Amino acid sequence: MDFRIRTQFTFSASDRKLNRILESLANEGIAVNGYFQTLVGKRYHFVRMVVGYTDEVTNHDVPTGRTIMEQAEVHYKENQVIQLLENGACIPNTFWRHKRCRALYLGEDNTFYLDVANVSKTIELLSEENSYRGQD
């Protein structure tokens, strides 16, 4: 299973602040590659977002994303997520049994993002399952 480690921004924002963040990213030429949004109550959006392109994250993308979050005055969390470059149906059953996933959402080019509690253990599990599949 092919994957990459990416940086995710997690935050809550009002309509106005979310619009400001997305507009600022666009003005800076930064792509939003993975995006999950849900309305919390009537006024706030809970967002998980990965910046950069599917195949590339520039040295400009994540630091500028941080600056934009700070300028919008939103509290955000930054963490590592796994970008699956294959169909999400390829995720092994043992992964789901261990209940390691906090979130799974779609990215550009049919990639998937996994937000997990322990990235290194999850990669180990995915790699082990992949090697077993190769022996079939």
N, C-alpha and C. Protein backbone atom coordinates (compact mmCIF):
# COMPACT_ATOMS: atom_id res chain seq x y z
N MET A 1 0.86 -1.18 0.00
CA MET A 1 0.00 0.00 0.00
C MET A 1 0.90 1.24 0.00
N ASP A 2 0.70 2.11 -0.96
CA ASP A 2 1.50 3.33 -1.06
C ASP A 2 0.87 4.44 -0.22
N PHE A 3 1.72 5.16 0.51
CA PHE A 3 1.22 6.24 1.35
C PHE A 3 2.30 7.29 1.57
N ARG A 4 1.89 8.43 2.04
CA ARG A 4 2.78 9.53 2.43
C ARG A 4 2.32 10.07 3.78
N ILE A 5 3.23 10.69 4.49
CA ILE A 5 2.89 11.38 5.73
C ILE A 5 2.70 12.84 5.38
N ARG A 6 1.56 13.40 5.80
CA ARG A 6 1.24 14.79 5.50
C ARG A 6 0.87 15.54 6.79
N THR A 7 0.82 16.85 6.70
CA THR A 7 0.44 17.68 7.84
C THR A 7 -1.01 18.11 7.68
N GLN A 8 -1.77 17.91 8.76
CA GLN A 8 -3.18 18.29 8.78
C GLN A 8 -3.38 19.44 9.77
N PHE A 9 -4.20 20.40 9.37
CA PHE A 9 -4.65 21.46 10.28
C PHE A 9 -6.06 21.11 10.72
N THR A 10 -6.31 21.14 12.01
CA THR A 10 -7.65 20.90 12.55
C THR A 10 -8.05 22.15 13.33
N PHE A 11 -9.25 22.67 13.05
CA PHE A 11 -9.68 23.89 13.72
C PHE A 11 -11.20 24.05 13.62
N SER A 12 -11.72 24.96 14.41
CA SER A 12 -13.12 25.37 14.32
C SER A 12 -13.14 26.85 13.99
N ALA A 13 -14.07 27.24 13.15
CA ALA A 13 -14.13 28.64 12.73
C ALA A 13 -15.55 29.03 12.33
N SER A 14 -15.83 30.31 12.48
CA SER A 14 -17.11 30.87 12.01
C SER A 14 -17.08 30.93 10.49
N ASP A 15 -18.24 31.20 9.90
CA ASP A 15 -18.31 31.36 8.44
C ASP A 15 -17.30 32.39 7.95
N ARG A 16 -17.27 33.51 8.61
CA ARG A 16 -16.40 34.61 8.19
C ARG A 16 -14.92 34.21 8.26
N LYS A 17 -14.53 33.60 9.37
CA LYS A 17 -13.12 33.22 9.51
C LYS A 17 -12.74 32.10 8.55
N LEU A 18 -13.64 31.14 8.36
CA LEU A 18 -13.35 30.06 7.42
C LEU A 18 -13.20 30.61 6.01
N ASN A 19 -14.06 31.51 5.61
CA ASN A 19 -13.96 32.15 4.31
C ASN A 19 -12.63 32.89 4.18
N ARG A 20 -12.23 33.58 5.22
CA ARG A 20 -10.97 34.33 5.21
C ARG A 20 -9.78 33.37 5.04
N ILE A 21 -9.81 32.24 5.75
CA ILE A 21 -8.72 31.27 5.65
C ILE A 21 -8.62 30.71 4.24
N LEU A 22 -9.74 30.27 3.70
CA LEU A 22 -9.73 29.67 2.36
C LEU A 22 -9.35 30.68 1.29
N GLU A 23 -9.83 31.91 1.43
CA GLU A 23 -9.47 32.97 0.48
C GLU A 23 -7.98 33.29 0.56
N SER A 24 -7.44 33.33 1.76
CA SER A 24 -6.01 33.62 1.93
C SER A 24 -5.14 32.52 1.34
N LEU A 25 -5.55 31.27 1.54
CA LEU A 25 -4.81 30.16 0.94
C LEU A 25 -4.81 30.28 -0.57
N ALA A 26 -5.97 30.58 -1.15
CA ALA A 26 -6.07 30.74 -2.61
C ALA A 26 -5.20 31.89 -3.10
N ASN A 27 -5.23 33.01 -2.37
CA ASN A 27 -4.42 34.17 -2.76
C ASN A 27 -2.93 33.88 -2.71
N GLU A 28 -2.53 32.97 -1.83
CA GLU A 28 -1.12 32.58 -1.71
C GLU A 28 -0.75 31.46 -2.69
N GLY A 29 -1.73 30.97 -3.44
CA GLY A 29 -1.48 29.90 -4.41
C GLY A 29 -1.29 28.54 -3.76
N ILE A 30 -1.88 28.34 -2.58
CA ILE A 30 -1.74 27.08 -1.86
C ILE A 30 -2.98 26.22 -2.10
N ALA A 31 -2.74 25.02 -2.58
CA ALA A 31 -3.84 24.09 -2.84
C ALA A 31 -4.30 23.45 -1.53
N VAL A 32 -5.57 23.15 -1.47
CA VAL A 32 -6.13 22.36 -0.36
C VAL A 32 -6.37 20.98 -0.94
N ASN A 33 -5.60 20.00 -0.47
CA ASN A 33 -5.64 18.67 -1.05
C ASN A 33 -6.62 17.74 -0.37
N GLY A 34 -6.74 17.85 0.93
CA GLY A 34 -7.70 17.05 1.69
C GLY A 34 -8.55 17.98 2.53
N TYR A 35 -9.84 17.72 2.59
CA TYR A 35 -10.72 18.66 3.29
C TYR A 35 -11.94 17.93 3.84
N PHE A 36 -12.19 18.12 5.12
CA PHE A 36 -13.38 17.61 5.78
C PHE A 36 -13.97 18.75 6.59
N GLN A 37 -15.25 18.98 6.46
CA GLN A 37 -15.92 20.07 7.17
C GLN A 37 -17.28 19.62 7.64
N THR A 38 -17.62 19.97 8.86
CA THR A 38 -18.96 19.71 9.37
C THR A 38 -19.40 20.89 10.22
N LEU A 39 -20.68 21.19 10.16
CA LEU A 39 -21.23 22.30 10.93
C LEU A 39 -21.44 21.86 12.38
N VAL A 40 -20.97 22.70 13.30
CA VAL A 40 -21.15 22.45 14.73
C VAL A 40 -22.07 23.54 15.25
N GLY A 41 -23.26 23.15 15.67
CA GLY A 41 -24.25 24.15 16.05
C GLY A 41 -24.70 24.91 14.83
N LYS A 42 -24.98 26.19 15.02
CA LYS A 42 -25.44 27.01 13.90
C LYS A 42 -24.38 27.96 13.37
N ARG A 43 -23.26 28.08 14.09
CA ARG A 43 -22.32 29.14 13.73
C ARG A 43 -20.90 28.70 13.41
N TYR A 44 -20.52 27.51 13.79
CA TYR A 44 -19.11 27.12 13.64
C TYR A 44 -18.96 25.88 12.78
N HIS A 45 -17.82 25.84 12.11
CA HIS A 45 -17.46 24.71 11.26
C HIS A 45 -16.24 24.02 11.89
N PHE A 46 -16.30 22.70 12.00
CA PHE A 46 -15.15 21.90 12.40
C PHE A 46 -14.49 21.44 11.12
N VAL A 47 -13.18 21.72 10.99
CA VAL A 47 -12.48 21.47 9.73
C VAL A 47 -11.20 20.68 9.97
N ARG A 48 -10.96 19.71 9.08
CA ARG A 48 -9.66 19.02 8.97
C ARG A 48 -9.20 19.33 7.55
N MET A 49 -7.95 19.79 7.42
CA MET A 49 -7.50 20.26 6.12
C MET A 49 -6.02 19.94 5.91
N VAL A 50 -5.71 19.45 4.71
CA VAL A 50 -4.32 19.17 4.32
C VAL A 50 -4.01 20.07 3.14
N VAL A 51 -2.91 20.83 3.24
CA VAL A 51 -2.52 21.74 2.16
C VAL A 51 -1.43 21.12 1.30
N GLY A 52 -1.31 21.62 0.07
CA GLY A 52 -0.32 21.12 -0.87
C GLY A 52 -1.01 20.29 -1.94
N TYR A 53 -0.24 19.85 -2.91
CA TYR A 53 -0.77 19.02 -3.98
C TYR A 53 -0.64 17.55 -3.62
N THR A 54 -1.30 16.68 -4.37
CA THR A 54 -1.25 15.25 -4.10
C THR A 54 0.18 14.73 -4.08
N ASP A 55 0.97 15.13 -5.05
CA ASP A 55 2.33 14.61 -5.20
C ASP A 55 3.41 15.49 -4.58
N GLU A 56 3.04 16.66 -4.10
CA GLU A 56 4.09 17.58 -3.65
C GLU A 56 3.55 18.57 -2.61
N VAL A 57 4.39 18.80 -1.61
CA VAL A 57 4.15 19.87 -0.65
C VAL A 57 5.40 20.74 -0.70
N THR A 58 5.23 22.01 -1.00
CA THR A 58 6.40 22.89 -1.07
C THR A 58 6.79 23.36 0.33
N ASN A 59 7.97 23.93 0.45
CA ASN A 59 8.43 24.49 1.72
C ASN A 59 7.59 25.70 2.14
N HIS A 60 6.79 26.19 1.23
CA HIS A 60 5.95 27.37 1.44
C HIS A 60 4.57 27.01 2.01
N ASP A 61 4.06 25.82 1.69
CA ASP A 61 2.66 25.46 1.97
C ASP A 61 2.31 25.44 3.46
N VAL A 62 2.98 24.61 4.23
CA VAL A 62 2.61 24.45 5.64
C VAL A 62 2.94 25.69 6.47
N PRO A 63 4.14 26.28 6.33
CA PRO A 63 4.40 27.50 7.11
C PRO A 63 3.43 28.64 6.79
N THR A 64 3.06 28.78 5.52
CA THR A 64 2.10 29.82 5.15
C THR A 64 0.72 29.48 5.70
N GLY A 65 0.37 28.20 5.71
CA GLY A 65 -0.88 27.77 6.33
C GLY A 65 -0.94 28.17 7.80
N ARG A 66 0.17 27.98 8.51
CA ARG A 66 0.25 28.38 9.93
C ARG A 66 0.02 29.88 10.08
N THR A 67 0.70 30.64 9.24
CA THR A 67 0.58 32.10 9.31
C THR A 67 -0.86 32.54 9.06
N ILE A 68 -1.50 31.92 8.10
CA ILE A 68 -2.89 32.27 7.77
C ILE A 68 -3.81 31.94 8.94
N MET A 69 -3.59 30.80 9.58
CA MET A 69 -4.40 30.43 10.76
C MET A 69 -4.23 31.46 11.87
N GLU A 70 -2.99 31.85 12.09
CA GLU A 70 -2.71 32.83 13.15
C GLU A 70 -3.31 34.19 12.82
N GLN A 71 -3.22 34.60 11.57
CA GLN A 71 -3.80 35.88 11.16
C GLN A 71 -5.33 35.87 11.29
N ALA A 72 -5.94 34.71 11.08
CA ALA A 72 -7.40 34.59 11.21
C ALA A 72 -7.82 34.46 12.67
N GLU A 73 -6.84 34.34 13.54
CA GLU A 73 -7.06 34.22 14.98
C GLU A 73 -7.93 33.02 15.34
N VAL A 74 -7.60 31.88 14.73
CA VAL A 74 -8.27 30.64 15.11
C VAL A 74 -7.26 29.75 15.84
N HIS A 75 -7.75 29.04 16.83
CA HIS A 75 -6.91 28.06 17.50
C HIS A 75 -6.92 26.82 16.62
N TYR A 76 -5.75 26.33 16.29
CA TYR A 76 -5.67 25.17 15.42
C TYR A 76 -4.71 24.15 16.01
N LYS A 77 -4.88 22.94 15.58
CA LYS A 77 -3.99 21.86 15.95
C LYS A 77 -3.35 21.35 14.66
N GLU A 78 -2.10 21.03 14.74
CA GLU A 78 -1.37 20.53 13.59
C GLU A 78 -0.89 19.13 13.94
N ASN A 79 -1.17 18.16 13.08
CA ASN A 79 -0.70 16.81 13.33
C ASN A 79 -0.42 16.07 12.02
N GLN A 80 0.28 14.98 12.14
CA GLN A 80 0.62 14.17 10.98
C GLN A 80 -0.53 13.21 10.68
N VAL A 81 -0.84 13.06 9.39
CA VAL A 81 -1.85 12.12 8.93
C VAL A 81 -1.23 11.28 7.82
N ILE A 82 -1.89 10.18 7.51
CA ILE A 82 -1.42 9.29 6.45
C ILE A 82 -2.26 9.52 5.21
N GLN A 83 -1.59 9.82 4.10
CA GLN A 83 -2.26 9.97 2.81
C GLN A 83 -2.13 8.63 2.08
N LEU A 84 -3.24 7.95 1.88
CA LEU A 84 -3.25 6.70 1.14
C LEU A 84 -3.37 7.01 -0.34
N LEU A 85 -2.44 6.50 -1.12
CA LEU A 85 -2.43 6.80 -2.54
C LEU A 85 -3.18 5.76 -3.36
N GLU A 86 -3.80 4.79 -2.66
CA GLU A 86 -4.60 3.76 -3.31
C GLU A 86 -6.02 3.86 -2.81
N ASN A 87 -6.88 3.09 -3.38
CA ASN A 87 -8.28 3.03 -2.98
C ASN A 87 -8.40 2.69 -1.49
N GLY A 88 -9.25 3.40 -0.77
CA GLY A 88 -9.45 3.16 0.65
C GLY A 88 -9.98 1.78 0.95
N ALA A 89 -10.56 1.10 -0.04
CA ALA A 89 -11.05 -0.26 0.16
C ALA A 89 -9.90 -1.23 0.40
N CYS A 90 -8.67 -0.79 0.12
CA CYS A 90 -7.50 -1.64 0.32
C CYS A 90 -7.04 -1.66 1.78
N ILE A 91 -7.67 -0.88 2.63
CA ILE A 91 -7.28 -0.86 4.04
C ILE A 91 -7.63 -2.21 4.65
N PRO A 92 -6.66 -2.87 5.28
CA PRO A 92 -6.92 -4.22 5.80
C PRO A 92 -7.91 -4.24 6.97
N ASN A 93 -8.59 -5.36 7.10
CA ASN A 93 -9.57 -5.52 8.18
C ASN A 93 -8.95 -5.36 9.57
N THR A 94 -7.70 -5.79 9.74
CA THR A 94 -7.07 -5.68 11.06
C THR A 94 -6.95 -4.23 11.49
N PHE A 95 -6.81 -3.34 10.54
CA PHE A 95 -6.75 -1.91 10.87
C PHE A 95 -8.03 -1.48 11.57
N TRP A 96 -9.17 -1.88 11.03
CA TRP A 96 -10.46 -1.49 11.60
C TRP A 96 -10.71 -2.17 12.94
N ARG A 97 -10.24 -3.40 13.08
CA ARG A 97 -10.43 -4.11 14.35
C ARG A 97 -9.69 -3.43 15.49
N HIS A 98 -8.54 -2.82 15.19
CA HIS A 98 -7.76 -2.15 16.23
C HIS A 98 -8.28 -0.75 16.55
N LYS A 99 -9.28 -0.30 15.82
CA LYS A 99 -9.93 0.99 16.05
C LYS A 99 -8.92 2.14 16.17
N ARG A 100 -8.05 2.23 15.21
CA ARG A 100 -6.99 3.22 15.24
C ARG A 100 -7.38 4.54 14.57
N CYS A 101 -8.51 4.59 13.91
CA CYS A 101 -8.84 5.72 13.05
C CYS A 101 -9.74 6.75 13.74
N ARG A 102 -9.25 8.01 13.81
CA ARG A 102 -10.09 9.11 14.31
C ARG A 102 -10.92 9.70 13.19
N ALA A 103 -10.35 9.69 11.98
CA ALA A 103 -11.08 10.23 10.82
C ALA A 103 -10.52 9.64 9.54
N LEU A 104 -11.39 9.46 8.58
CA LEU A 104 -11.04 9.02 7.24
C LEU A 104 -11.80 9.94 6.29
N TYR A 105 -11.07 10.62 5.39
CA TYR A 105 -11.75 11.50 4.45
C TYR A 105 -11.03 11.52 3.12
N LEU A 106 -11.76 11.92 2.10
CA LEU A 106 -11.29 11.90 0.72
C LEU A 106 -10.42 13.12 0.42
N GLY A 107 -9.38 12.89 -0.37
CA GLY A 107 -8.52 13.97 -0.87
C GLY A 107 -8.62 14.04 -2.39
N GLU A 108 -7.82 14.89 -2.99
CA GLU A 108 -7.80 15.00 -4.45
C GLU A 108 -7.25 13.72 -5.06
N ASP A 109 -7.55 13.53 -6.32
CA ASP A 109 -7.03 12.40 -7.11
C ASP A 109 -7.34 11.05 -6.48
N ASN A 110 -8.50 10.94 -5.83
CA ASN A 110 -8.95 9.68 -5.22
C ASN A 110 -8.01 9.15 -4.14
N THR A 111 -7.32 10.05 -3.46
CA THR A 111 -6.53 9.64 -2.31
C THR A 111 -7.41 9.74 -1.06
N PHE A 112 -6.98 9.09 0.00
CA PHE A 112 -7.69 9.13 1.26
C PHE A 112 -6.74 9.59 2.35
N TYR A 113 -7.28 10.25 3.35
CA TYR A 113 -6.50 10.67 4.51
C TYR A 113 -6.98 9.93 5.74
N LEU A 114 -6.03 9.40 6.50
CA LEU A 114 -6.29 8.73 7.76
C LEU A 114 -5.71 9.56 8.88
N ASP A 115 -6.55 9.99 9.80
CA ASP A 115 -6.10 10.67 11.01
C ASP A 115 -6.15 9.62 12.11
N VAL A 116 -4.99 9.22 12.57
CA VAL A 116 -4.89 8.12 13.54
C VAL A 116 -4.15 8.57 14.79
N ALA A 117 -4.37 7.83 15.87
CA ALA A 117 -3.73 8.17 17.15
C ALA A 117 -2.22 7.94 17.11
N ASN A 118 -1.79 6.90 16.42
CA ASN A 118 -0.37 6.57 16.39
C ASN A 118 0.04 6.27 14.95
N VAL A 119 0.65 7.26 14.29
CA VAL A 119 1.00 7.15 12.88
C VAL A 119 2.00 6.02 12.64
N SER A 120 3.05 5.93 13.45
CA SER A 120 4.09 4.92 13.21
C SER A 120 3.54 3.50 13.38
N LYS A 121 2.71 3.27 14.38
CA LYS A 121 2.11 1.93 14.57
C LYS A 121 1.16 1.59 13.42
N THR A 122 0.43 2.58 12.96
CA THR A 122 -0.49 2.36 11.85
C THR A 122 0.27 2.03 10.57
N ILE A 123 1.36 2.74 10.32
CA ILE A 123 2.18 2.45 9.14
C ILE A 123 2.74 1.04 9.23
N GLU A 124 3.18 0.67 10.42
CA GLU A 124 3.69 -0.69 10.64
C GLU A 124 2.61 -1.72 10.32
N LEU A 125 1.40 -1.49 10.81
CA LEU A 125 0.29 -2.40 10.55
C LEU A 125 -0.04 -2.46 9.06
N LEU A 126 -0.13 -1.32 8.42
CA LEU A 126 -0.43 -1.29 6.99
C LEU A 126 0.66 -1.97 6.17
N SER A 127 1.92 -1.77 6.57
CA SER A 127 3.05 -2.39 5.86
C SER A 127 3.05 -3.90 6.04
N GLU A 128 2.76 -4.38 7.26
CA GLU A 128 2.69 -5.82 7.51
C GLU A 128 1.60 -6.46 6.67
N GLU A 129 0.43 -5.84 6.66
CA GLU A 129 -0.69 -6.39 5.89
C GLU A 129 -0.36 -6.40 4.41
N ASN A 130 0.35 -5.38 3.94
CA ASN A 130 0.72 -5.30 2.54
C ASN A 130 1.68 -6.44 2.18
N SER A 131 2.63 -6.75 3.08
CA SER A 131 3.58 -7.82 2.77
C SER A 131 2.88 -9.18 2.77
N TYR A 132 1.87 -9.36 3.63
CA TYR A 132 1.12 -10.62 3.60
C TYR A 132 0.36 -10.76 2.29
N ARG A 133 -0.20 -9.66 1.80
CA ARG A 133 -0.95 -9.71 0.55
C ARG A 133 -0.06 -10.12 -0.61
N GLY A 134 1.20 -9.63 -0.58
CA GLY A 134 2.13 -9.94 -1.65
C GLY A 134 2.46 -11.42 -1.74
N GLN A 135 2.21 -12.16 -0.65
CA GLN A 135 2.53 -13.58 -0.64
C GLN A 135 1.40 -14.44 -1.19
N ASP A 136 0.25 -13.86 -1.46
CA ASP A 136 -0.88 -14.64 -1.98
C ASP A 136 -0.63 -15.20 -3.35
